[in-house]
Protein backbone atom coordinates (compact mmCIF):
# COMPACT_ATOMS: atom_id res chain seq x y z
CA MET A 1 -10.44 -86.99 109.32
CA SER A 2 -11.88 -88.47 112.62
CA ASP A 3 -13.92 -86.18 115.04
CA LEU A 4 -11.36 -86.32 117.36
CA ALA A 5 -8.89 -84.77 115.15
CA LEU A 6 -11.55 -81.94 113.86
CA ALA A 7 -11.70 -80.99 117.53
CA ALA A 8 -8.16 -80.84 118.16
CA ALA A 9 -7.87 -78.52 115.14
CA ASP A 10 -10.25 -76.60 116.03
CA GLN A 11 -8.97 -76.30 119.49
CA GLN A 12 -6.17 -74.68 117.29
CA VAL A 13 -7.64 -72.18 116.20
CA ILE A 14 -9.63 -70.88 118.90
CA SER A 15 -6.09 -70.54 120.27
CA ALA A 16 -5.24 -68.62 117.20
CA LEU A 17 -8.19 -66.37 118.03
CA ARG A 18 -6.85 -65.62 121.66
CA SER A 19 -3.41 -64.79 120.32
CA ASN A 20 -5.09 -60.71 120.27
CA LYS A 21 -3.15 -60.31 117.60
CA VAL A 22 -5.30 -58.59 115.24
CA PRO A 23 -4.69 -58.48 111.26
CA LEU A 24 -5.79 -55.24 108.83
CA VAL A 25 -7.87 -55.76 106.16
CA LYS A 26 -8.15 -54.06 102.61
CA THR A 27 -10.90 -55.69 100.34
CA PHE A 28 -11.25 -54.53 96.79
CA PHE A 29 -14.67 -55.56 95.37
CA ASP A 30 -14.59 -56.61 91.08
CA ASN A 31 -18.35 -55.37 90.25
CA THR A 32 -18.22 -57.45 86.85
CA THR A 33 -17.79 -60.71 88.59
CA PHE A 34 -19.27 -59.90 92.16
CA THR A 35 -15.67 -60.72 93.74
CA ALA A 36 -13.78 -59.58 97.01
CA THR A 37 -10.08 -59.64 96.82
CA HIS A 38 -8.63 -58.88 100.64
CA VAL A 39 -5.38 -58.08 101.08
CA VAL A 40 -4.63 -58.50 105.14
CA HIS A 41 -1.60 -58.14 106.55
CA ASP A 42 0.14 -58.15 110.27
CA PRO A 43 1.00 -54.87 110.85
CA ALA A 44 3.84 -55.15 113.52
CA THR A 45 5.99 -57.22 110.23
CA ARG A 46 3.80 -55.91 107.39
CA GLU A 47 3.84 -59.30 106.08
CA ALA A 48 0.73 -60.15 103.96
CA ALA A 49 -1.48 -62.28 101.99
CA VAL A 50 -3.30 -61.87 99.18
CA VAL A 51 -6.99 -63.65 98.87
CA ASP A 52 -8.85 -64.69 95.91
CA SER A 53 -7.61 -62.39 93.28
CA VAL A 54 -9.27 -61.58 90.09
CA MET A 55 -8.03 -61.70 86.89
CA GLU A 56 -10.57 -59.62 84.14
CA TYR A 57 -11.40 -61.90 81.37
CA ASP A 58 -13.52 -60.56 78.00
CA PRO A 59 -15.12 -64.41 76.74
CA ALA A 60 -16.56 -62.53 73.57
CA ALA A 61 -13.29 -61.32 72.65
CA GLY A 62 -11.07 -63.75 74.37
CA ARG A 63 -8.88 -61.09 76.03
CA THR A 64 -7.38 -60.80 79.49
CA ALA A 65 -6.74 -58.02 81.73
CA HIS A 66 -4.76 -57.18 85.51
CA HIS A 67 -6.57 -53.67 85.94
CA HIS A 68 -7.92 -55.21 89.43
CA ALA A 69 -4.86 -56.96 90.21
CA GLN A 70 -2.62 -53.80 89.82
CA GLU A 71 -4.67 -51.80 92.43
CA VAL A 72 -4.15 -54.65 94.40
CA VAL A 73 -0.27 -54.75 93.87
CA ASP A 74 -0.06 -50.86 93.63
CA TYR A 75 -1.73 -50.76 97.64
CA ILE A 76 0.49 -53.01 98.86
CA ARG A 77 3.65 -51.13 97.45
CA ALA A 78 2.26 -48.09 98.52
CA SER A 79 1.83 -49.61 102.03
CA ASP A 80 5.20 -50.87 102.12
CA LEU A 81 3.74 -54.61 102.67
CA LYS A 82 5.80 -57.56 101.90
CA LEU A 83 3.62 -60.47 100.49
CA GLN A 84 4.11 -63.86 102.07
CA TRP A 85 1.12 -65.78 100.64
CA LEU A 86 -1.33 -65.89 97.55
CA LEU A 87 -3.83 -67.48 98.91
CA GLU A 88 -7.59 -69.59 97.12
CA THR A 89 -9.86 -70.51 99.22
CA HIS A 90 -11.49 -72.71 96.30
CA VAL A 91 -11.15 -73.36 92.59
CA HIS A 92 -13.35 -70.57 91.42
CA ALA A 93 -15.93 -70.83 88.85
CA ASP A 94 -17.36 -67.35 88.40
CA HIS A 95 -14.00 -65.92 88.23
CA LEU A 96 -9.98 -66.09 86.82
CA SER A 97 -7.56 -66.05 89.41
CA ALA A 98 -4.84 -63.17 89.06
CA ALA A 99 -2.44 -65.14 91.89
CA PRO A 100 0.12 -66.00 89.37
CA TRP A 101 0.66 -62.70 87.47
CA ILE A 102 0.72 -60.65 91.18
CA GLN A 103 3.16 -63.43 92.73
CA GLU A 104 5.64 -62.31 89.57
CA GLN A 105 4.95 -58.81 89.97
CA LEU A 106 5.72 -59.11 94.51
CA GLY A 107 6.59 -62.65 94.97
CA GLY A 108 4.79 -65.10 97.53
CA LYS A 109 3.44 -68.86 97.34
CA LEU A 110 0.57 -69.73 95.99
CA ALA A 111 -1.57 -71.84 98.15
CA ILE A 112 -4.75 -74.00 98.43
CA GLY A 113 -6.38 -76.83 99.83
CA ALA A 114 -4.69 -80.18 99.20
CA ASP A 115 -8.25 -81.83 97.95
CA ILE A 116 -7.16 -79.30 94.78
CA VAL A 117 -6.24 -82.91 93.49
CA ARG A 118 -10.01 -84.23 93.13
CA VAL A 119 -11.27 -80.65 91.06
CA GLN A 120 -8.00 -81.50 88.83
CA ASP A 121 -9.42 -85.06 88.53
CA ILE A 122 -12.66 -84.10 87.86
CA PHE A 123 -12.28 -81.70 85.41
CA GLY A 124 -9.26 -82.79 84.16
CA LYS A 125 -11.58 -85.53 82.63
CA LEU A 126 -14.57 -82.99 81.72
CA PHE A 127 -12.20 -81.10 79.43
CA ASN A 128 -9.96 -83.59 78.32
CA ALA A 129 -6.96 -81.96 79.68
CA GLY A 130 -4.61 -84.53 78.40
CA THR A 131 -1.14 -85.76 80.15
CA ARG A 132 0.48 -83.25 80.08
CA PHE A 133 -1.85 -81.29 82.45
CA ALA A 134 -0.86 -82.39 86.16
CA ARG A 135 -3.41 -83.68 88.42
CA ASN A 136 -1.11 -83.75 91.49
CA GLY A 137 -1.75 -80.12 92.90
CA SER A 138 1.81 -79.01 91.51
CA GLN A 139 0.87 -75.88 90.03
CA PHE A 140 0.86 -74.82 93.22
CA ASP A 141 3.86 -73.51 95.58
CA HIS A 142 1.77 -75.54 98.96
CA LEU A 143 -1.23 -77.38 99.41
CA PHE A 144 -2.49 -76.85 102.78
CA HIS A 145 -4.14 -80.12 105.12
CA ASP A 146 -7.19 -79.47 107.29
CA GLY A 147 -5.70 -78.17 110.71
CA GLU A 148 -2.54 -76.90 109.74
CA THR A 149 -0.80 -74.11 111.21
CA PHE A 150 1.31 -71.19 109.48
CA MET A 151 2.32 -67.76 110.57
CA LEU A 152 1.41 -64.43 108.68
CA GLY A 153 4.11 -62.56 110.29
CA SER A 154 3.85 -62.35 113.74
CA ILE A 155 -0.38 -63.62 113.58
CA PRO A 156 -0.96 -67.69 114.11
CA ALA A 157 -3.31 -68.86 111.15
CA ILE A 158 -5.03 -71.85 110.40
CA ALA A 159 -6.09 -73.64 107.18
CA LEU A 160 -9.85 -75.31 107.72
CA HIS A 161 -11.00 -77.67 104.98
CA VAL A 162 -14.71 -76.46 104.38
CA PRO A 163 -15.97 -78.56 101.54
CA GLY A 164 -19.88 -79.05 100.20
CA HIS A 165 -19.78 -75.64 97.71
CA THR A 166 -16.92 -77.75 95.87
CA PRO A 167 -14.77 -81.11 97.23
CA ALA A 168 -11.72 -78.58 98.10
CA ASP A 169 -13.06 -75.49 99.64
CA MET A 170 -10.75 -74.01 102.51
CA ALA A 171 -11.00 -71.23 104.76
CA TYR A 172 -8.36 -69.18 106.57
CA VAL A 173 -8.63 -68.14 109.83
CA ILE A 174 -5.62 -65.68 110.73
CA GLY A 175 -5.96 -63.91 114.00
CA ASP A 176 -9.78 -62.90 114.77
CA ALA A 177 -10.18 -63.11 110.92
CA ALA A 178 -11.89 -65.88 108.96
CA PHE A 179 -11.81 -65.87 105.30
CA ILE A 180 -14.27 -68.34 104.23
CA GLY A 181 -14.46 -68.03 100.26
CA ASP A 182 -17.77 -69.58 99.12
CA THR A 183 -19.42 -71.47 102.16
CA LEU A 184 -21.48 -67.89 103.41
CA PHE A 185 -22.78 -65.19 101.95
CA MET A 186 -24.13 -62.17 104.10
CA PRO A 187 -26.70 -62.98 106.23
CA ASP A 188 -29.64 -61.23 103.85
CA TYR A 189 -28.37 -63.46 101.10
CA GLY A 190 -27.62 -67.01 102.56
CA THR A 191 -25.33 -69.60 101.43
CA ALA A 192 -23.31 -70.60 98.29
CA ARG A 193 -24.45 -73.37 96.23
CA ALA A 194 -23.66 -76.88 96.24
CA ASP A 195 -24.33 -78.31 92.61
CA PHE A 196 -21.21 -78.29 90.86
CA PRO A 197 -18.82 -81.14 89.94
CA GLY A 198 -18.06 -82.63 93.61
CA GLY A 199 -20.36 -80.82 95.55
CA ASP A 200 -22.73 -81.75 98.30
CA ALA A 201 -25.41 -79.73 100.26
CA ARG A 202 -24.84 -82.26 103.31
CA MET A 203 -21.22 -81.91 103.69
CA LEU A 204 -21.48 -77.45 102.93
CA TYR A 205 -24.21 -77.81 106.07
CA ARG A 206 -21.89 -79.32 107.79
CA SER A 207 -19.07 -77.29 106.66
CA ILE A 208 -20.78 -73.90 107.57
CA ARG A 209 -21.86 -75.14 111.47
CA ARG A 210 -18.15 -76.04 111.86
CA LEU A 211 -17.13 -72.10 110.78
CA LEU A 212 -19.82 -70.70 112.57
CA SER A 213 -18.75 -72.69 115.68
CA LEU A 214 -15.89 -70.09 116.09
CA PRO A 215 -16.12 -67.79 118.79
CA GLU A 216 -19.06 -65.13 117.60
CA GLN A 217 -16.61 -62.10 117.50
CA THR A 218 -14.68 -63.77 114.96
CA ARG A 219 -14.93 -61.52 111.19
CA LEU A 220 -15.78 -63.30 108.42
CA PHE A 221 -14.72 -62.10 105.53
CA LEU A 222 -16.31 -63.14 102.08
CA CYS A 223 -15.49 -63.90 98.39
CA HIS A 224 -18.87 -62.88 96.85
CA ASP A 225 -21.82 -60.50 97.35
CA TYR A 226 -24.86 -60.17 95.57
CA LYS A 227 -26.40 -57.35 97.04
CA ALA A 228 -29.79 -59.09 98.81
CA PRO A 229 -32.83 -57.16 97.94
CA GLY A 230 -34.00 -54.07 99.47
CA ARG A 231 -29.79 -53.61 100.30
CA ASP A 232 -28.21 -50.93 97.50
CA SER A 233 -24.67 -51.36 98.68
CA PHE A 234 -21.96 -54.29 98.03
CA ALA A 235 -20.78 -55.55 101.76
CA TRP A 236 -18.56 -58.93 102.42
CA GLU A 237 -17.37 -58.83 105.94
CA THR A 238 -19.60 -59.81 108.79
CA THR A 239 -19.42 -61.86 111.84
CA VAL A 240 -19.76 -65.37 113.23
CA GLY A 241 -22.35 -63.82 115.57
CA ALA A 242 -24.56 -62.36 112.57
CA GLU A 243 -24.68 -65.11 110.49
CA ARG A 244 -25.73 -67.18 113.49
CA ALA A 245 -28.53 -65.28 114.20
CA HIS A 246 -29.74 -63.85 111.24
CA ASN A 247 -28.58 -65.46 107.86
CA VAL A 248 -31.69 -66.32 106.18
CA HIS A 249 -30.72 -70.13 105.04
CA VAL A 250 -28.86 -71.41 107.91
CA HIS A 251 -29.60 -69.37 111.31
CA GLU A 252 -29.12 -71.02 114.51
CA GLY A 253 -32.25 -73.57 114.60
CA VAL A 254 -31.90 -74.56 111.10
CA GLY A 255 -31.45 -77.91 111.05
CA GLU A 256 -29.31 -80.36 108.24
CA ASP A 257 -32.71 -82.40 106.76
CA GLU A 258 -34.31 -78.64 106.43
CA PHE A 259 -30.87 -77.19 104.80
CA VAL A 260 -30.09 -79.35 102.31
CA ALA A 261 -33.76 -79.69 100.91
CA MET A 262 -33.53 -76.07 101.01
CA ARG A 263 -30.60 -75.80 98.69
CA THR A 264 -30.96 -78.73 96.89
CA GLY A 265 -34.17 -77.29 95.17
CA ARG A 266 -32.96 -73.61 95.16
CA ASP A 267 -29.69 -74.81 93.27
CA ALA A 268 -31.84 -76.66 90.69
CA THR A 269 -33.26 -73.37 89.26
CA LEU A 270 -30.23 -71.68 88.88
CA SER A 271 -27.81 -71.27 85.76
CA MET A 272 -24.57 -71.74 85.58
CA PRO A 273 -22.31 -68.99 85.96
CA ASN A 274 -21.09 -67.16 82.79
CA LEU A 275 -17.68 -67.64 83.53
CA LEU A 276 -17.72 -71.21 84.20
CA MET A 277 -15.61 -72.84 81.80
CA PRO A 278 -13.00 -70.62 81.48
CA SER A 279 -12.74 -69.75 84.98
CA VAL A 280 -12.02 -73.43 85.96
CA GLN A 281 -10.00 -74.57 83.09
CA VAL A 282 -7.42 -71.96 84.21
CA ASN A 283 -8.04 -72.12 87.85
CA MET A 284 -7.60 -75.88 87.97
CA ARG A 285 -4.23 -75.17 86.69
CA GLY A 286 -3.64 -72.36 89.57
CA GLY A 287 -4.67 -69.08 87.55
CA HIS A 288 -2.45 -70.09 84.50
CA LEU A 289 -4.08 -70.15 81.16
CA PRO A 290 -3.83 -73.31 79.22
CA GLU A 291 -0.76 -74.65 77.53
CA ALA A 292 -0.17 -72.87 74.21
CA GLU A 293 -0.58 -75.49 70.93
CA GLU A 294 1.54 -75.38 67.77
CA ASN A 295 0.52 -72.23 66.60
CA GLY A 296 1.48 -70.38 69.66
CA THR A 297 -2.05 -69.29 70.75
CA ARG A 298 -3.97 -70.49 74.00
CA TYR A 299 -7.19 -72.19 73.90
CA ILE A 300 -10.50 -72.20 76.21
CA LYS A 301 -12.48 -75.13 75.76
CA ILE A 302 -16.18 -75.62 75.42
CA PRO A 303 -17.25 -79.38 76.23
CA ILE A 304 -21.07 -79.26 73.35
CA ASP A 305 -24.36 -81.23 74.62
CA ARG A 306 -22.29 -82.62 78.01
CA VAL A 307 -24.54 -84.18 80.39
């Protein structure tokens, strides 16, 4: 997209933020995967979205469960909300999405960024998913493009493409709140890694600067928290102003080359997430498990000695 088009999209964001529509947000934190699932709704219409849900997976036993997602469903029902959207910020590599299961209970449209097709192509080859695995994003009800506007009830919203952690990361700005996935963490923890296939530290820096160009009072809701040293409690909400001033990796004054050198060096020391193999195989399918084989059993593949 051209710089002019990006500028136009960002002006739409600011317009949405100035609508004086303030959504309510309830967060459910999964201590096993350190994931924050957000339920955001319009208090006027009670229409809601679930952002980045979690399905439990025990890799030792090969078993799934939906206790965390059930809490989300129970809250939506008890609050008399109408689920409109199930929003995924990206194909997660650290937890399995519960979006299809929640959709079965409550309805709503499952959505992700349009560049999911790039991720499906990369990982479809890695896992030798075969011709039955569609690489066109058809596992989702809607594919958002950069700058695309939508509504959550009466609240204006916009989807922003913020690649770098993966090629397909999206942020969803809903009223005065932005749900930014794995681009930024709390100011005392820093930024997301950029060494997964298709990731790019330079692109991540530019995506972060785009998010930090939003008004400083914009609320930012994060996908993960790992408790920075010296902090005793988990946290998942901050503001653009706080990130600009205090983010340990990318505060005001940190240049692109400096950030790329830091991020690349840091990423080289990190181990792979424990649930990477099952997570990606499920999440690239929209949260659905791989198709059952001839014996009726579903399997997760693990590539061996893959360079």
